Amino acid sequence: MGEKKRKEESQKKWTKVIFIFAAVLFAFAMVGSYLPNLITGLAPIRPGNSVVIDYTIYDAAGNPLITTSKPTGQPIPGIMYTSQLTLIANQSLNQGTFPVPIVVYSNDGSREQQQFALFSPEYDAITRGLVGMRLNDKKNIAFTANNSMSQLWSPAQLQNNNINMSDIHVGDFLTMGVSDNPNATAQNSSATTYMRVGSVTRISPAGVVVNFGYPNADITVDSVNKQ
């Protein structure tokens, strides 16, 4: 009986050792599968890395204009809500505009889906700014090339767009359709246009000056993947 009892205790001991050994192997396997992602997250972003970001673009008054931040309560009318962007770090846009899907809510709670035009200088500023950032890093990106994106709209142009100049005040927002093929748009062809929002900065007998540039954006790195 003593010999049998010793064999049973020995078997239980080895069963326990094998179980612990298997658990250790499982732990190493988990660390091994997670380690590349961990290293990628800790390493600074390099040109060519694929990066997913959250972002908020601000208007000239410093108010959020377009954002990936989901509202905690009722959506705020006038703010354009969008989804995350997947970008290649330090890669320039090879066209004038980059369409971004947005949702705009009205005061009555209704929603409208549109395509917002992110201009190439803004797109390029963001992709350049990603270089050197890490996972969960935040950065404010200045859109210096947007400082001169103003247009003069004459009373006739406003009237053609069903806008009465007497109803406009400095600080009001106006929207326009932009395209990579402006000549086709002027000819009323089937060119695809995207929405752009500008603020009225000056009013004179010659018309209204509308600034369609934005000063800056906050970006947050959500994930990083090597190409």
Protein backbone atom coordinates (compact mmCIF):
# COMPACT_ATOMS: atom_id res chain seq x y z
CA MET A 1 0.00 0.00 0.00
CA GLY A 2 2.87 2.29 0.80
CA GLU A 3 4.40 1.77 -2.66
CA LYS A 4 1.05 2.38 -4.36
CA LYS A 5 0.51 5.56 -2.34
CA ARG A 6 3.97 6.86 -3.27
CA LYS A 7 3.24 6.21 -6.99
CA GLU A 8 -0.06 8.09 -6.74
CA GLU A 9 1.62 11.06 -5.03
CA SER A 10 4.39 11.02 -7.66
CA GLN A 11 1.81 11.00 -10.45
CA LYS A 12 -0.04 13.92 -8.89
CA LYS A 13 3.24 15.82 -8.57
CA TRP A 14 4.17 15.34 -12.23
CA THR A 15 0.66 16.22 -13.30
CA LYS A 16 1.04 19.49 -11.44
CA VAL A 17 4.48 20.14 -12.92
CA ILE A 18 3.24 19.43 -16.44
CA PHE A 19 0.29 21.75 -15.89
CA ILE A 20 2.54 24.55 -14.66
CA PHE A 21 4.97 23.95 -17.53
CA ALA A 22 2.12 24.14 -20.04
CA ALA A 23 0.88 27.35 -18.45
CA VAL A 24 4.35 28.89 -18.71
CA LEU A 25 4.55 27.89 -22.38
CA PHE A 26 1.14 29.49 -22.96
CA ALA A 27 2.30 32.67 -21.25
CA PHE A 28 5.42 32.81 -23.44
CA ALA A 29 3.30 32.22 -26.54
CA MET A 30 1.00 35.08 -25.57
CA VAL A 31 3.94 37.42 -24.95
CA GLY A 32 5.53 36.35 -28.20
CA SER A 33 2.40 37.12 -30.21
CA TYR A 34 1.89 40.46 -28.45
CA LEU A 35 5.51 41.59 -28.46
CA PRO A 36 5.69 42.76 -32.11
CA ASN A 37 2.60 44.94 -31.59
CA LEU A 38 4.01 46.22 -28.31
CA ILE A 39 7.33 47.10 -29.93
CA THR A 40 5.55 48.79 -32.83
CA GLY A 41 3.51 50.87 -30.38
CA LEU A 42 6.54 51.90 -28.35
CA ALA A 43 8.72 52.67 -31.35
CA PRO A 44 8.36 56.10 -32.96
CA ILE A 45 6.35 56.25 -36.16
CA ARG A 46 8.50 56.18 -39.28
CA PRO A 47 7.73 57.25 -42.84
CA GLY A 48 5.71 54.53 -44.51
CA ASN A 49 3.99 53.27 -41.34
CA SER A 50 0.22 52.88 -41.56
CA VAL A 51 -1.38 54.89 -38.76
CA VAL A 52 -4.98 55.17 -37.56
CA ILE A 53 -5.78 58.50 -35.91
CA ASP A 54 -8.55 60.32 -34.12
CA TYR A 55 -8.67 64.02 -34.92
CA THR A 56 -10.46 67.31 -34.39
CA ILE A 57 -10.17 70.25 -36.80
CA TYR A 58 -10.87 73.71 -35.34
CA ASP A 59 -12.25 76.86 -36.94
CA ALA A 60 -10.66 80.30 -36.66
CA ALA A 61 -12.47 80.94 -33.35
CA GLY A 62 -11.01 77.75 -31.82
CA ASN A 63 -14.25 75.80 -31.89
CA PRO A 64 -14.41 72.17 -33.05
CA LEU A 65 -15.55 72.01 -36.66
CA ILE A 66 -15.07 68.37 -37.58
CA THR A 67 -14.23 65.65 -35.05
CA THR A 68 -14.06 61.91 -34.43
CA SER A 69 -15.07 62.47 -30.79
CA LYS A 70 -18.48 60.93 -30.31
CA PRO A 71 -20.96 63.10 -28.37
CA THR A 72 -21.71 61.86 -24.85
CA GLY A 73 -25.18 63.38 -24.98
CA GLN A 74 -27.11 64.97 -27.81
CA PRO A 75 -25.02 65.77 -30.92
CA ILE A 76 -24.17 69.46 -31.22
CA PRO A 77 -25.66 71.11 -34.33
CA GLY A 78 -23.01 72.66 -36.53
CA ILE A 79 -20.28 70.18 -35.62
CA MET A 80 -19.40 67.64 -38.29
CA TYR A 81 -18.87 64.15 -36.86
CA THR A 82 -16.60 61.79 -38.72
CA SER A 83 -14.71 58.50 -38.37
CA GLN A 84 -11.04 57.72 -37.82
CA LEU A 85 -8.51 58.23 -40.60
CA THR A 86 -5.99 55.65 -41.77
CA LEU A 87 -2.94 57.44 -43.16
CA ILE A 88 0.56 56.59 -44.33
CA ALA A 89 3.10 58.61 -42.35
CA ASN A 90 4.88 61.27 -44.42
CA GLN A 91 2.94 60.38 -47.59
CA SER A 92 1.71 63.38 -49.58
CA LEU A 93 -1.68 63.50 -51.24
CA ASN A 94 -1.44 63.32 -55.04
CA GLN A 95 -4.67 65.24 -55.60
CA GLY A 96 -6.18 68.50 -54.39
CA THR A 97 -8.81 67.14 -52.03
CA PHE A 98 -9.38 64.10 -49.83
CA PRO A 99 -13.06 63.26 -49.20
CA VAL A 100 -14.03 62.55 -45.59
CA PRO A 101 -17.47 61.14 -44.73
CA ILE A 102 -19.30 63.30 -42.19
CA VAL A 103 -22.62 63.43 -40.38
CA VAL A 104 -24.20 66.82 -39.60
CA TYR A 105 -27.08 67.17 -37.12
CA SER A 106 -29.72 69.89 -37.29
CA ASN A 107 -31.47 71.62 -34.41
CA ASP A 108 -34.49 69.36 -34.86
CA GLY A 109 -32.31 66.26 -34.41
CA SER A 110 -32.30 65.21 -38.05
CA ARG A 111 -29.01 64.11 -39.59
CA GLU A 112 -27.45 64.51 -42.99
CA GLN A 113 -24.54 62.55 -44.44
CA GLN A 114 -22.11 64.35 -46.73
CA GLN A 115 -18.53 64.29 -47.96
CA PHE A 116 -16.19 66.91 -46.50
CA ALA A 117 -13.17 68.17 -48.46
CA LEU A 118 -9.87 67.88 -46.62
CA PHE A 119 -7.39 69.93 -48.65
CA SER A 120 -4.03 68.45 -49.62
CA PRO A 121 -1.97 70.94 -47.49
CA GLU A 122 -3.97 69.81 -44.44
CA TYR A 123 -3.61 66.13 -45.32
CA ASP A 124 0.15 66.52 -45.88
CA ALA A 125 0.63 68.46 -42.63
CA ILE A 126 -1.01 65.63 -40.69
CA THR A 127 0.97 62.82 -42.35
CA ARG A 128 4.25 64.71 -41.83
CA GLY A 129 3.35 65.39 -38.21
CA LEU A 130 2.86 61.68 -37.53
CA VAL A 131 6.57 60.94 -37.94
CA GLY A 132 8.16 60.52 -34.52
CA MET A 133 4.87 60.09 -32.65
CA ARG A 134 4.03 56.91 -30.73
CA LEU A 135 0.91 54.97 -29.85
CA ASN A 136 -1.60 57.14 -27.91
CA ASP A 137 0.50 60.28 -28.47
CA LYS A 138 -1.38 63.53 -29.04
CA LYS A 139 -0.22 66.50 -31.10
CA ASN A 140 -1.56 69.80 -32.35
CA ILE A 141 -0.91 70.23 -36.08
CA ALA A 142 -0.77 73.77 -37.49
CA PHE A 143 -2.17 74.30 -40.99
CA THR A 144 0.15 77.14 -41.97
CA ALA A 145 -0.64 76.79 -45.68
CA ASN A 146 -4.30 77.58 -44.98
CA ASN A 147 -3.71 81.12 -43.77
CA SER A 148 -4.52 82.62 -47.19
CA MET A 149 -7.48 80.48 -48.29
CA SER A 150 -9.86 83.43 -48.59
CA GLN A 151 -12.23 84.23 -51.44
CA LEU A 152 -14.21 87.32 -52.36
CA TRP A 153 -17.82 86.52 -53.23
CA SER A 154 -19.49 89.32 -55.16
CA PRO A 155 -23.16 90.21 -54.64
CA ALA A 156 -23.90 88.58 -58.01
CA GLN A 157 -22.18 85.33 -57.01
CA LEU A 158 -24.07 85.29 -53.76
CA GLN A 159 -27.35 85.93 -55.56
CA ASN A 160 -26.61 83.06 -57.97
CA ASN A 161 -26.37 80.80 -54.91
CA ASN A 162 -29.64 82.13 -53.48
CA ILE A 163 -27.84 84.09 -50.75
CA ASN A 164 -28.95 87.61 -49.91
CA MET A 165 -25.93 89.75 -49.00
CA SER A 166 -28.00 91.76 -46.52
CA ASP A 167 -28.54 88.59 -44.48
CA ILE A 168 -24.82 87.94 -44.01
CA HIS A 169 -22.75 89.07 -41.02
CA VAL A 170 -19.09 88.76 -40.09
CA GLY A 171 -18.58 85.44 -38.35
CA ASP A 172 -21.30 83.64 -40.29
CA PHE A 173 -20.46 80.36 -41.95
CA LEU A 174 -20.96 79.64 -45.64
CA THR A 175 -20.55 76.35 -47.46
CA MET A 176 -19.27 75.73 -50.95
CA GLY A 177 -18.71 72.70 -53.14
CA VAL A 178 -15.10 71.99 -54.10
CA SER A 179 -13.68 69.56 -56.61
CA ASP A 180 -10.38 68.45 -58.09
CA ASN A 181 -11.85 69.54 -61.42
CA PRO A 182 -13.11 73.10 -60.87
CA ASN A 183 -13.48 73.81 -64.61
CA ALA A 184 -15.87 70.90 -64.99
CA THR A 185 -17.81 72.16 -61.98
CA ALA A 186 -18.12 75.62 -63.49
CA GLN A 187 -19.51 74.04 -66.64
CA ASN A 188 -22.21 72.27 -64.61
CA SER A 189 -20.91 68.84 -65.55
CA SER A 190 -21.18 65.71 -63.45
CA ALA A 191 -17.96 66.42 -61.52
CA THR A 192 -18.02 65.14 -57.95
CA THR A 193 -17.96 67.93 -55.37
CA TYR A 194 -17.31 67.89 -51.63
CA MET A 195 -18.44 70.28 -48.94
CA ARG A 196 -16.20 72.94 -47.45
CA VAL A 197 -17.19 75.40 -44.71
CA GLY A 198 -15.82 78.94 -44.54
CA SER A 199 -16.30 81.89 -42.19
CA VAL A 200 -17.14 85.43 -43.29
CA THR A 201 -14.28 87.74 -42.30
CA ARG A 202 -15.16 90.99 -44.08
CA ILE A 203 -18.14 92.64 -45.79
CA SER A 204 -17.90 95.50 -48.28
CA PRO A 205 -19.83 96.83 -51.28
CA ALA A 206 -17.62 94.58 -53.43
CA GLY A 207 -18.94 91.50 -51.66
CA VAL A 208 -18.03 89.28 -48.72
CA VAL A 209 -14.65 87.73 -47.97
CA VAL A 210 -14.93 84.10 -46.88
CA ASN A 211 -11.99 82.25 -45.35
CA PHE A 212 -12.07 78.53 -46.11
CA GLY A 213 -8.84 77.74 -44.26
CA TYR A 214 -8.59 76.31 -40.75
CA PRO A 215 -5.76 77.07 -38.31
CA ASN A 216 -5.04 73.71 -36.70
CA ALA A 217 -6.09 70.21 -35.69
CA ASP A 218 -5.53 67.89 -32.74
CA ILE A 219 -4.57 64.33 -33.63
CA THR A 220 -4.24 61.20 -31.47
CA VAL A 221 -2.50 58.01 -32.59
CA ASP A 222 -4.90 55.09 -32.12
CA SER A 223 -2.86 52.31 -33.75
CA VAL A 224 0.36 51.81 -35.72
CA ASN A 225 1.16 49.12 -38.24
CA LYS A 226 4.33 48.61 -40.23
CA GLN A 227 3.94 48.51 -43.98
